[in-house]
Structures are given as structure tokens and as C-alpha cells.
Amino acid sequence: MSRVITAMRAIRVSNQADLKVRLYDRVRLYDRVRLYDRVRLYDRVRLYDRVRLYDRGRLYDRRATACGFRSLALLLIVFAMSAIVEAHGVSGKDAVFLQGLMGRAIIPLMYLGAKHMVTGYDHLLFLVGVIFFLYRLKDVVAYVSLFTLGHSVTLLAGVLGGIHANSYLIDAVIGFSVVYKAFENMDGFRRFLGFQPNTKAAVLIFGLFHGFGLATKLQDFALSQNGLVANIVSFNIGVEIGQGLALTAILIGLEWWRSHDAFHRHAFAFNGLVMTGGFLLVGYQLSGYYLGTV
């Protein structure tokens, strides 16, 4: 009898122990489920925050891009209107000053050179195209140096050497340089023509035409020979100063745009707008050459 009682007690203890183990396992399982649910909830919140942040970023990029395209369109309209008014020549008080200039005027000529470059929409559009896909500073310096060399040579040679050309045709080539560079940035040569021209040679050659365009503006005036060399060199230095200021502003704008995904999505369309501006310049100058109404 005692053996039976002992066996029953052992079974009861075993059942109680098993019940405790099962209860313990259920508690652990419940804790795991709660922890899993918390982790899932945390992950959902993080994912939701990421989606909201991504959506905000995309919305910001879209707004920034739309603002950029509106600004560029407005800029092109302003360019066209200003071209109709004065064809990017020297006029007003600047023209009167140049006509009456006698002797050296280093600082005023530097100011005029800088002003001419900063307000020179054709030069600025070409420079935008040149540095649009240049990310390293040494590449920017290399290409801009070639452009500087080109337009400095023809500016000095045109005015001091007495080399003349029709200003409308030169400005038409300058407008074509804008078209050329935008087409190159759109990878048009490889896509449609199957080759890629030498980009550095193109920048240097078009720089020669840009400098000659500056020279034709000064050739419209009977500049005094007294201090002419110093004045033209000062004008050229002013052009370089203006170019440096304009490039700084352009690079800042490009770096800001490149930090957003919208840059790569809309680079093609942007260069399409730049090309449109170049075609407008070419058409305007050719109409002036053939019709004589500019």
C-alpha cells in the first residue's frame, strides 16, 4: 500500500513539475510574442518615418526642379528680350564713355570688361554647358583655362591687330557654341553620329570665337590710340574677373542641384532648354545679318 501511495505522490509531483514547466514555457512564449510585436511595431514606425522622409525629399526635389525650370525659362525670355533691345553690345553711358576716352583708364575698363562678361548671356550659357558635368575642380580649371586662352587671344588680336569680321556672323557662331555644348552634354554625338569630338579642342576653338565677339563690340568705337594697349589689357582682365564671379555663382548653383536626385533625372531636359536658348541666339543673329533689322 505504501508503494502505491509513494508512486501516486511521485506522479503528482511529476505532473506539477510538468505543469510548471509548461506554464513557464507559455510565459516565455508570450513574452517572445510581445517582444516580436514590439519589434514589428518599431520597424513599422521606422519604415513609416523613412517613407515620409523619402516622400518629403521627392516633393522637395520636384519643387526645386520646377522652380529651376521656371527660372531658366524666365532667364531665356529675358535673354531674348535683352537681345532684341541691344544685341548684347556696348550702349548707353558705356558707349559715351568709350567714345570720349583719351589716355589710360585702367579701372573703368576693368569694370566694363567684368560687366560685359557677367551680363553676357551667350558666354554664360556656354560656360554652364562646359562645366555642367565637371565634378573635379582641376577639370573645371583646365577647361576654363582653355576658354580663357582662346577668347584672350582673339580679343587682343582683334582690337590691337585690327582683324575685323562681321559681328552678326561671329555672334551666330557663339550661339552655335551653346547648341554644340548642350548637344554634347545630351550625349548626342555618340547617340546619333557614333563618335565623340575632342571636348577640350572644342572649348578652345569656341573660346576664340567668343573673344572675337568681344573684339567686334569694341571695334564699333573709334578708340583712341593713346593708352590703347593698357586699356584693352585692362578690359581683358576685367573680363576674367567677371568670368570668375559668374563661374563661382554657377558652380554653387550646380553643386546645390547635384546634391539632389533631381539633377540626374532632369539633366537631359535642362540641356534641351540650354540648346533652345542657343538656337534663339543663332536665329536672332542670322536674321540681323540677312535682314539688317537688328
C-alpha atoms as a PDB file:
ATOM      1  CA  MET A   1       0.000   0.000   0.000  1.00  0.00           C
ATOM      2  CA  SER A   2       2.807   2.354   0.870  1.00  0.00           C
ATOM      3  CA  ARG A   3       4.371   1.693  -2.505  1.00  0.00           C
ATOM      4  CA  VAL A   4       1.178   2.742  -4.269  1.00  0.00           C
ATOM      5  CA  ILE A   5       0.940   5.915  -2.235  1.00  0.00           C
ATOM      6  CA  THR A   6       4.582   6.727  -2.975  1.00  0.00           C
ATOM      7  CA  ALA A   7       4.025   6.123  -6.692  1.00  0.00           C
ATOM      8  CA  MET A   8       0.926   8.361  -6.716  1.00  0.00           C
ATOM      9  CA  ARG A   9       2.862  11.099  -4.935  1.00  0.00           C
ATOM     10  CA  ALA A  10       5.669  10.797  -7.459  1.00  0.00           C
ATOM     11  CA  ILE A  11       3.184  11.040 -10.338  1.00  0.00           C
ATOM     12  CA  ARG A  12       1.551  14.099  -8.734  1.00  0.00           C
ATOM     13  CA  VAL A  13       4.907  15.794  -8.247  1.00  0.00           C
ATOM     14  CA  SER A  14       5.845  14.973 -11.809  1.00  0.00           C
ATOM     15  CA  ASN A  15       2.558  16.409 -13.068  1.00  0.00           C
ATOM     16  CA  GLN A  16       3.040  19.565 -11.018  1.00  0.00           C
ATOM     17  CA  ALA A  17       6.589  19.944 -12.303  1.00  0.00           C
ATOM     18  CA  ASP A  18       5.413  19.375 -15.846  1.00  0.00           C
ATOM     19  CA  LEU A  19       2.620  21.898 -15.326  1.00  0.00           C
ATOM     20  CA  LYS A  20       5.112  24.435 -14.036  1.00  0.00           C
ATOM     21  CA  VAL A  21       7.397  23.831 -16.994  1.00  0.00           C
ATOM     22  CA  ARG A  22       4.520  24.159 -19.441  1.00  0.00           C
ATOM     23  CA  LEU A  23       3.330  27.314 -17.688  1.00  0.00           C
ATOM     24  CA  TYR A  24       6.880  28.699 -17.770  1.00  0.00           C
ATOM     25  CA  ASP A  25       7.152  27.919 -21.476  1.00  0.00           C
ATOM     26  CA  ARG A  26       3.843  29.665 -22.116  1.00  0.00           C
ATOM     27  CA  VAL A  27       5.018  32.762 -20.258  1.00  0.00           C
ATOM     28  CA  ARG A  28       8.286  32.758 -22.232  1.00  0.00           C
ATOM     29  CA  LEU A  29       6.364  32.291 -25.461  1.00  0.00           C
ATOM     30  CA  TYR A  30       4.008  35.121 -24.504  1.00  0.00           C
ATOM     31  CA  ASP A  31       6.995  37.343 -23.747  1.00  0.00           C
ATOM     32  CA  ARG A  32       8.543  36.454 -27.075  1.00  0.00           C
ATOM     33  CA  VAL A  33       5.332  37.262 -28.908  1.00  0.00           C
ATOM     34  CA  ARG A  34       5.089  40.602 -27.137  1.00  0.00           C
ATOM     35  CA  LEU A  35       8.732  41.363 -27.929  1.00  0.00           C
ATOM     36  CA  TYR A  36       8.201  40.323 -31.556  1.00  0.00           C
ATOM     37  CA  ASP A  37       5.149  42.555 -31.789  1.00  0.00           C
ATOM     38  CA  ARG A  38       7.114  45.436 -30.308  1.00  0.00           C
ATOM     39  CA  VAL A  39       9.931  44.906 -32.789  1.00  0.00           C
ATOM     40  CA  ARG A  40       7.455  44.741 -35.671  1.00  0.00           C
ATOM     41  CA  LEU A  41       5.760  47.899 -34.422  1.00  0.00           C
ATOM     42  CA  TYR A  42       9.151  49.633 -34.100  1.00  0.00           C
ATOM     43  CA  ASP A  43      10.109  48.510 -37.601  1.00  0.00           C
ATOM     44  CA  ARG A  44       6.791  49.740 -38.948  1.00  0.00           C
ATOM     45  CA  VAL A  45       7.294  53.133 -37.326  1.00  0.00           C
ATOM     46  CA  ARG A  46      10.836  53.367 -38.716  1.00  0.00           C
ATOM     47  CA  LEU A  47       9.619  52.320 -42.165  1.00  0.00           C
ATOM     48  CA  TYR A  48       6.805  54.851 -41.966  1.00  0.00           C
ATOM     49  CA  ASP A  49       9.276  57.566 -40.994  1.00  0.00           C
ATOM     50  CA  ARG A  50      11.547  56.590 -43.870  1.00  0.00           C
ATOM     51  CA  VAL A  51       8.659  56.690 -46.324  1.00  0.00           C
ATOM     52  CA  ARG A  52       7.599  60.086 -45.042  1.00  0.00           C
ATOM     53  CA  LEU A  53      11.170  61.353 -45.285  1.00  0.00           C
ATOM     54  CA  TYR A  54      11.530  59.912 -48.802  1.00  0.00           C
ATOM     55  CA  ASP A  55       8.237  61.459 -49.877  1.00  0.00           C
ATOM     56  CA  ARG A  56       9.277  64.795 -48.439  1.00  0.00           C
ATOM     57  CA  GLY A  57      12.596  64.546 -50.260  1.00  0.00           C
ATOM     58  CA  ARG A  58      10.896  63.732 -53.557  1.00  0.00           C
ATOM     59  CA  LEU A  59       8.424  66.557 -53.067  1.00  0.00           C
ATOM     60  CA  TYR A  60      11.284  68.925 -52.249  1.00  0.00           C
ATOM     61  CA  ASP A  61      13.200  67.750 -55.322  1.00  0.00           C
ATOM     62  CA  ARG A  62      10.147  68.220 -57.532  1.00  0.00           C
ATOM     63  CA  ARG A  63       9.560  71.696 -56.174  1.00  0.00           C
ATOM     64  CA  ALA A  64      13.222  72.612 -56.563  1.00  0.00           C
ATOM     65  CA  THR A  65      13.297  71.257 -60.115  1.00  0.00           C
ATOM     66  CA  ALA A  66      10.102  73.026 -61.085  1.00  0.00           C
ATOM     67  CA  CYS A  67      11.479  76.244 -59.631  1.00  0.00           C
ATOM     68  CA  GLY A  68      14.725  75.717 -61.539  1.00  0.00           C
ATOM     69  CA  PHE A  69      12.978  75.137 -64.845  1.00  0.00           C
ATOM     70  CA  ARG A  70      10.738  78.162 -64.336  1.00  0.00           C
ATOM     71  CA  SER A  71      13.786  80.259 -63.521  1.00  0.00           C
ATOM     72  CA  LEU A  72      15.636  79.017 -66.595  1.00  0.00           C
ATOM     73  CA  ALA A  73      12.622  79.629 -68.831  1.00  0.00           C
ATOM     74  CA  LEU A  74      12.320  83.139 -67.425  1.00  0.00           C
ATOM     75  CA  LEU A  75      16.048  83.618 -67.947  1.00  0.00           C
ATOM     76  CA  LEU A  76      15.782  82.586 -71.581  1.00  0.00           C
ATOM     77  CA  ILE A  77      12.925  85.036 -72.097  1.00  0.00           C
ATOM     78  CA  VAL A  78      14.983  87.794 -70.512  1.00  0.00           C
ATOM     79  CA  PHE A  79      17.898  86.864 -72.749  1.00  0.00           C
ATOM     80  CA  ALA A  80      15.724  87.056 -75.834  1.00  0.00           C
ATOM     81  CA  MET A  81      14.224  90.397 -74.792  1.00  0.00           C
ATOM     82  CA  SER A  82      17.604  91.883 -73.984  1.00  0.00           C
ATOM     83  CA  ALA A  83      18.922  90.665 -77.321  1.00  0.00           C
ATOM     84  CA  ILE A  84      16.104  92.429 -79.120  1.00  0.00           C
ATOM     85  CA  VAL A  85      16.841  95.643 -77.249  1.00  0.00           C
ATOM     86  CA  GLU A  86      20.604  95.933 -77.659  1.00  0.00           C
ATOM     87  CA  ALA A  87      22.051  92.704 -79.102  1.00  0.00           C
ATOM     88  CA  HIS A  88      24.483  92.430 -76.193  1.00  0.00           C
ATOM     89  CA  GLY A  89      26.522  95.387 -77.384  1.00  0.00           C
ATOM     90  CA  VAL A  90      28.016  98.347 -75.557  1.00  0.00           C
ATOM     91  CA  SER A  91      25.418 101.072 -75.284  1.00  0.00           C
ATOM     92  CA  GLY A  92      24.232 103.946 -73.137  1.00  0.00           C
ATOM     93  CA  LYS A  93      26.695 105.575 -70.789  1.00  0.00           C
ATOM     94  CA  ASP A  94      29.312 102.915 -71.506  1.00  0.00           C
ATOM     95  CA  ALA A  95      29.290 103.797 -75.208  1.00  0.00           C
ATOM     96  CA  VAL A  96      29.577 107.515 -74.465  1.00  0.00           C
ATOM     97  CA  PHE A  97      32.492 106.812 -72.143  1.00  0.00           C
ATOM     98  CA  LEU A  98      34.352 104.749 -74.754  1.00  0.00           C
ATOM     99  CA  GLN A  99      33.780 107.353 -77.455  1.00  0.00           C
ATOM    100  CA  GLY A 100      35.293 110.113 -75.353  1.00  0.00           C
ATOM    101  CA  LEU A 101      38.088 108.048 -73.855  1.00  0.00           C
ATOM    102  CA  MET A 102      41.517 109.673 -74.127  1.00  0.00           C
ATOM    103  CA  GLY A 103      44.512 108.048 -72.461  1.00  0.00           C
ATOM    104  CA  ARG A 104      44.618 105.252 -69.950  1.00  0.00           C
ATOM    105  CA  ALA A 105      41.552 104.292 -67.923  1.00  0.00           C
ATOM    106  CA  ILE A 106      42.554 101.024 -66.305  1.00  0.00           C
ATOM    107  CA  ILE A 107      39.933 100.701 -63.553  1.00  0.00           C
ATOM    108  CA  PRO A 108      36.950 101.833 -65.678  1.00  0.00           C
ATOM    109  CA  LEU A 109      37.947  99.428 -68.477  1.00  0.00           C
ATOM    110  CA  MET A 110      38.290  96.584 -65.982  1.00  0.00           C
ATOM    111  CA  TYR A 111      34.789  97.381 -64.759  1.00  0.00           C
ATOM    112  CA  LEU A 112      33.419  97.402 -68.303  1.00  0.00           C
ATOM    113  CA  GLY A 113      35.086  94.070 -69.064  1.00  0.00           C
ATOM    114  CA  ALA A 114      33.664  92.449 -65.938  1.00  0.00           C
ATOM    115  CA  LYS A 115      30.222  93.900 -66.648  1.00  0.00           C
ATOM    116  CA  HIS A 116      30.294  92.651 -70.216  1.00  0.00           C
ATOM    117  CA  MET A 117      31.067  89.097 -69.095  1.00  0.00           C
ATOM    118  CA  VAL A 118      28.610  88.980 -66.192  1.00  0.00           C
ATOM    119  CA  THR A 119      25.775  90.266 -68.407  1.00  0.00           C
ATOM    120  CA  GLY A 120      26.898  88.215 -71.413  1.00  0.00           C
ATOM    121  CA  TYR A 121      24.162  85.592 -71.572  1.00  0.00           C
ATOM    122  CA  ASP A 122      25.787  83.853 -74.557  1.00  0.00           C
ATOM    123  CA  HIS A 123      29.099  83.445 -72.711  1.00  0.00           C
ATOM    124  CA  LEU A 124      27.349  82.313 -69.532  1.00  0.00           C
ATOM    125  CA  LEU A 125      25.229  79.693 -71.298  1.00  0.00           C
ATOM    126  CA  PHE A 126      28.330  78.257 -72.933  1.00  0.00           C
ATOM    127  CA  LEU A 127      30.181  78.145 -69.612  1.00  0.00           C
ATOM    128  CA  VAL A 128      27.226  76.386 -67.985  1.00  0.00           C
ATOM    129  CA  GLY A 129      27.442  73.755 -70.691  1.00  0.00           C
ATOM    130  CA  VAL A 130      31.206  73.417 -70.290  1.00  0.00           C
ATOM    131  CA  ILE A 131      31.202  72.754 -66.545  1.00  0.00           C
ATOM    132  CA  PHE A 132      27.812  71.031 -66.311  1.00  0.00           C
ATOM    133  CA  PHE A 133      29.276  67.536 -65.904  1.00  0.00           C
ATOM    134  CA  LEU A 134      32.650  68.530 -64.452  1.00  0.00           C
ATOM    135  CA  TYR A 135      32.854  67.405 -60.819  1.00  0.00           C
ATOM    136  CA  ARG A 136      36.554  67.852 -60.067  1.00  0.00           C
ATOM    137  CA  LEU A 137      37.990  71.312 -59.545  1.00  0.00           C
ATOM    138  CA  LYS A 138      41.082  70.577 -61.626  1.00  0.00           C
ATOM    139  CA  ASP A 139      38.879  69.678 -64.603  1.00  0.00           C
ATOM    140  CA  VAL A 140      36.941  72.927 -64.214  1.00  0.00           C
ATOM    141  CA  VAL A 141      40.205  74.886 -64.075  1.00  0.00           C
ATOM    142  CA  ALA A 142      41.575  73.058 -67.140  1.00  0.00           C
ATOM    143  CA  TYR A 143      38.543  73.705 -69.349  1.00  0.00           C
ATOM    144  CA  VAL A 144      38.029  77.280 -68.189  1.00  0.00           C
ATOM    145  CA  SER A 145      41.729  77.983 -68.797  1.00  0.00           C
ATOM    146  CA  LEU A 146      41.368  76.806 -72.395  1.00  0.00           C
ATOM    147  CA  PHE A 147      38.329  79.038 -72.858  1.00  0.00           C
ATOM    148  CA  THR A 148      40.210  81.956 -71.281  1.00  0.00           C
ATOM    149  CA  LEU A 149      43.214  81.421 -73.539  1.00  0.00           C
ATOM    150  CA  GLY A 150      41.021  81.345 -76.623  1.00  0.00           C
ATOM    151  CA  HIS A 151      39.000  84.481 -76.006  1.00  0.00           C
ATOM    152  CA  SER A 152      42.017  86.431 -74.695  1.00  0.00           C
ATOM    153  CA  VAL A 153      43.999  85.791 -77.884  1.00  0.00           C
ATOM    154  CA  THR A 154      41.263  86.886 -80.285  1.00  0.00           C
ATOM    155  CA  LEU A 155      40.163  89.816 -78.118  1.00  0.00           C
ATOM    156  CA  LEU A 156      43.661  91.298 -78.119  1.00  0.00           C
ATOM    157  CA  ALA A 157      44.337  90.354 -81.747  1.00  0.00           C
ATOM    158  CA  GLY A 158      41.016  91.711 -82.952  1.00  0.00           C
ATOM    159  CA  VAL A 159      41.364  95.127 -81.334  1.00  0.00           C
ATOM    160  CA  LEU A 160      45.133  95.653 -81.347  1.00  0.00           C
ATOM    161  CA  GLY A 161      45.800  93.774 -84.593  1.00  0.00           C
ATOM    162  CA  GLY A 162      42.909  95.315 -86.492  1.00  0.00           C
ATOM    163  CA  ILE A 163      41.372  91.960 -87.505  1.00  0.00           C
ATOM    164  CA  HIS A 164      37.751  92.567 -88.481  1.00  0.00           C
ATOM    165  CA  ALA A 165      34.764  90.301 -89.090  1.00  0.00           C
ATOM    166  CA  ASN A 166      31.002  90.659 -89.273  1.00  0.00           C
ATOM    167  CA  SER A 167      29.724  90.804 -85.712  1.00  0.00           C
ATOM    168  CA  TYR A 168      26.437  89.065 -86.571  1.00  0.00           C
ATOM    169  CA  LEU A 169      28.196  86.024 -88.019  1.00  0.00           C
ATOM    170  CA  ILE A 170      30.604  85.820 -85.081  1.00  0.00           C
ATOM    171  CA  ASP A 171      27.735  86.052 -82.613  1.00  0.00           C
ATOM    172  CA  ALA A 172      25.862  83.381 -84.593  1.00  0.00           C
ATOM    173  CA  VAL A 173      28.849  81.056 -84.135  1.00  0.00           C
ATOM    174  CA  ILE A 174      28.829  81.914 -80.420  1.00  0.00           C
ATOM    175  CA  GLY A 175      25.151  80.938 -80.273  1.00  0.00           C
ATOM    176  CA  PHE A 176      26.013  77.725 -82.115  1.00  0.00           C
ATOM    177  CA  SER A 177      28.660  77.000 -79.471  1.00  0.00           C
ATOM    178  CA  VAL A 178      25.855  76.928 -76.880  1.00  0.00           C
ATOM    179  CA  VAL A 179      23.903  74.495 -79.051  1.00  0.00           C
ATOM    180  CA  TYR A 180      27.016  72.367 -79.581  1.00  0.00           C
ATOM    181  CA  LYS A 181      27.835  72.078 -75.892  1.00  0.00           C
ATOM    182  CA  ALA A 182      24.262  71.275 -74.863  1.00  0.00           C
ATOM    183  CA  PHE A 183      24.074  68.625 -77.619  1.00  0.00           C
ATOM    184  CA  GLU A 184      27.335  67.126 -76.353  1.00  0.00           C
ATOM    185  CA  ASN A 185      26.035  67.057 -72.766  1.00  0.00           C
ATOM    186  CA  MET A 186      22.988  65.160 -74.025  1.00  0.00           C
ATOM    187  CA  ASP A 187      25.398  62.574 -75.496  1.00  0.00           C
ATOM    188  CA  GLY A 188      24.089  63.469 -78.928  1.00  0.00           C
ATOM    189  CA  PHE A 189      27.313  62.803 -80.812  1.00  0.00           C
ATOM    190  CA  ARG A 190      27.580  59.198 -79.652  1.00  0.00           C
ATOM    191  CA  ARG A 191      23.881  58.513 -79.951  1.00  0.00           C
ATOM    192  CA  PHE A 192      23.293  59.936 -83.409  1.00  0.00           C
ATOM    193  CA  LEU A 193      26.722  60.304 -85.050  1.00  0.00           C
ATOM    194  CA  GLY A 194      28.641  57.469 -83.444  1.00  0.00           C
ATOM    195  CA  PHE A 195      31.696  59.452 -82.335  1.00  0.00           C
ATOM    196  CA  GLN A 196      32.793  61.912 -79.663  1.00  0.00           C
ATOM    197  CA  PRO A 197      34.733  65.052 -80.661  1.00  0.00           C
ATOM    198  CA  ASN A 198      37.636  66.311 -78.594  1.00  0.00           C
ATOM    199  CA  THR A 199      35.932  68.365 -75.891  1.00  0.00           C
ATOM    200  CA  LYS A 200      39.000  70.389 -74.932  1.00  0.00           C
ATOM    201  CA  ALA A 201      39.729  71.332 -78.541  1.00  0.00           C
ATOM    202  CA  ALA A 202      36.105  72.403 -78.982  1.00  0.00           C
ATOM    203  CA  VAL A 203      36.242  74.631 -75.889  1.00  0.00           C
ATOM    204  CA  LEU A 204      39.456  76.268 -77.132  1.00  0.00           C
ATOM    205  CA  ILE A 205      38.107  76.857 -80.647  1.00  0.00           C
ATOM    206  CA  PHE A 206      34.817  78.285 -79.455  1.00  0.00           C
ATOM    207  CA  GLY A 207      36.762  80.400 -76.966  1.00  0.00           C
ATOM    208  CA  LEU A 208      38.461  82.044 -79.951  1.00  0.00           C
ATOM    209  CA  PHE A 209      35.074  82.996 -81.369  1.00  0.00           C
ATOM    210  CA  HIS A 210      33.819  84.275 -78.006  1.00  0.00           C
ATOM    211  CA  GLY A 211      36.867  86.533 -77.744  1.00  0.00           C
ATOM    212  CA  PHE A 212      36.384  87.740 -81.302  1.00  0.00           C
ATOM    213  CA  GLY A 213      32.793  88.565 -80.397  1.00  0.00           C
ATOM    214  CA  LEU A 214      34.077  90.793 -77.606  1.00  0.00           C
ATOM    215  CA  ALA A 215      36.501  92.407 -80.053  1.00  0.00           C
ATOM    216  CA  THR A 216      33.752  93.252 -82.553  1.00  0.00           C
ATOM    217  CA  LYS A 217      31.877  95.152 -79.824  1.00  0.00           C
ATOM    218  CA  LEU A 218      34.924  97.346 -79.191  1.00  0.00           C
ATOM    219  CA  GLN A 219      35.661  97.788 -82.891  1.00  0.00           C
ATOM    220  CA  ASP A 220      32.400  99.677 -83.245  1.00  0.00           C
ATOM    221  CA  PHE A 221      34.080 102.614 -81.483  1.00  0.00           C
ATOM    222  CA  ALA A 222      36.906 104.844 -82.656  1.00  0.00           C
ATOM    223  CA  LEU A 223      39.138 104.094 -79.708  1.00  0.00           C
ATOM    224  CA  SER A 224      41.991 106.473 -79.067  1.00  0.00           C
ATOM    225  CA  GLN A 225      45.458 105.073 -79.749  1.00  0.00           C
ATOM    226  CA  ASN A 226      46.707 106.845 -76.652  1.00  0.00           C
ATOM    227  CA  GLY A 227      46.908 104.140 -73.973  1.00  0.00           C
ATOM    228  CA  LEU A 228      45.059 101.631 -76.198  1.00  0.00           C
ATOM    229  CA  VAL A 229      47.183  98.631 -75.226  1.00  0.00           C
ATOM    230  CA  ALA A 230      46.811  99.271 -71.494  1.00  0.00           C
ATOM    231  CA  ASN A 231      43.086  99.833 -71.883  1.00  0.00           C
ATOM    232  CA  ILE A 232      42.447  96.643 -73.867  1.00  0.00           C
ATOM    233  CA  VAL A 233      44.547  94.583 -71.481  1.00  0.00           C
ATOM    234  CA  SER A 234      42.598  96.110 -68.589  1.00  0.00           C
ATOM    235  CA  PHE A 235      39.341  95.277 -70.357  1.00  0.00           C
ATOM    236  CA  ASN A 236      40.511  91.685 -70.792  1.00  0.00           C
ATOM    237  CA  ILE A 237      41.480  91.448 -67.114  1.00  0.00           C
ATOM    238  CA  GLY A 238      38.028  92.719 -66.219  1.00  0.00           C
ATOM    239  CA  VAL A 239      36.519  90.036 -68.430  1.00  0.00           C
ATOM    240  CA  GLU A 240      38.447  87.399 -66.477  1.00  0.00           C
ATOM    241  CA  ILE A 241      37.281  88.878 -63.166  1.00  0.00           C
ATOM    242  CA  GLY A 242      33.686  88.847 -64.342  1.00  0.00           C
ATOM    243  CA  GLN A 243      34.105  85.304 -65.599  1.00  0.00           C
ATOM    244  CA  GLY A 244      35.452  84.213 -62.215  1.00  0.00           C
ATOM    245  CA  LEU A 245      32.500  85.771 -60.394  1.00  0.00           C
ATOM    246  CA  ALA A 246      29.992  84.245 -62.781  1.00  0.00           C
ATOM    247  CA  LEU A 247      31.631  80.821 -62.581  1.00  0.00           C
ATOM    248  CA  THR A 248      31.581  80.928 -58.789  1.00  0.00           C
ATOM    249  CA  ALA A 249      27.833  81.566 -58.779  1.00  0.00           C
ATOM    250  CA  ILE A 250      27.242  78.871 -61.418  1.00  0.00           C
ATOM    251  CA  LEU A 251      29.307  76.285 -59.527  1.00  0.00           C
ATOM    252  CA  ILE A 252      27.473  76.995 -56.283  1.00  0.00           C
ATOM    253  CA  GLY A 253      24.147  76.517 -58.032  1.00  0.00           C
ATOM    254  CA  LEU A 254      25.291  73.324 -59.746  1.00  0.00           C
ATOM    255  CA  GLU A 255      26.701  71.844 -56.533  1.00  0.00           C
ATOM    256  CA  TRP A 256      23.406  72.502 -54.779  1.00  0.00           C
ATOM    257  CA  TRP A 257      21.466  70.887 -57.628  1.00  0.00           C
ATOM    258  CA  ARG A 258      23.831  67.907 -57.832  1.00  0.00           C
ATOM    259  CA  SER A 259      23.132  67.107 -54.173  1.00  0.00           C
ATOM    260  CA  HIS A 260      19.556  66.191 -55.149  1.00  0.00           C
ATOM    261  CA  ASP A 261      18.301  63.232 -57.179  1.00  0.00           C
ATOM    262  CA  ALA A 262      16.559  65.675 -59.494  1.00  0.00           C
ATOM    263  CA  PHE A 263      19.883  66.558 -61.129  1.00  0.00           C
ATOM    264  CA  HIS A 264      20.293  63.236 -62.942  1.00  0.00           C
ATOM    265  CA  ARG A 265      16.583  62.955 -63.710  1.00  0.00           C
ATOM    266  CA  HIS A 266      16.370  66.363 -65.367  1.00  0.00           C
ATOM    267  CA  ALA A 267      19.877  66.964 -66.726  1.00  0.00           C
ATOM    268  CA  PHE A 268      18.786  65.975 -70.235  1.00  0.00           C
ATOM    269  CA  ALA A 269      15.779  68.318 -70.211  1.00  0.00           C
ATOM    270  CA  PHE A 270      17.879  71.149 -68.782  1.00  0.00           C
ATOM    271  CA  ASN A 271      20.403  70.867 -71.599  1.00  0.00           C
ATOM    272  CA  GLY A 272      17.491  70.783 -74.016  1.00  0.00           C
ATOM    273  CA  LEU A 273      16.436  74.184 -72.702  1.00  0.00           C
ATOM    274  CA  VAL A 274      20.003  75.466 -72.983  1.00  0.00           C
ATOM    275  CA  MET A 275      20.098  74.229 -76.580  1.00  0.00           C
ATOM    276  CA  THR A 276      16.856  76.087 -77.250  1.00  0.00           C
ATOM    277  CA  GLY A 277      18.468  79.260 -75.945  1.00  0.00           C
ATOM    278  CA  GLY A 278      21.416  78.681 -78.295  1.00  0.00           C
ATOM    279  CA  PHE A 279      19.114  78.253 -81.282  1.00  0.00           C
ATOM    280  CA  LEU A 280      17.372  81.509 -80.356  1.00  0.00           C
ATOM    281  CA  LEU A 281      20.723  83.302 -80.338  1.00  0.00           C
ATOM    282  CA  VAL A 282      21.718  81.806 -83.702  1.00  0.00           C
ATOM    283  CA  GLY A 283      18.381  82.692 -85.299  1.00  0.00           C
ATOM    284  CA  TYR A 284      18.447  86.213 -83.958  1.00  0.00           C
ATOM    285  CA  GLN A 285      21.977  86.936 -85.191  1.00  0.00           C
ATOM    286  CA  LEU A 286      21.382  85.397 -88.630  1.00  0.00           C
ATOM    287  CA  SER A 287      18.190  87.395 -89.033  1.00  0.00           C
ATOM    288  CA  GLY A 288      20.214  90.518 -88.218  1.00  0.00           C
ATOM    289  CA  TYR A 289      22.827  89.574 -90.795  1.00  0.00           C
ATOM    290  CA  TYR A 290      20.346  88.878 -93.630  1.00  0.00           C
ATOM    291  CA  LEU A 291      17.659  91.418 -92.843  1.00  0.00           C
ATOM    292  CA  GLY A 292      19.669  94.182 -91.227  1.00  0.00           C
ATOM    293  CA  THR A 293      16.838  94.925 -88.765  1.00  0.00           C
ATOM    294  CA  VAL A 294      18.649  94.070 -85.514  1.00  0.00           C
END
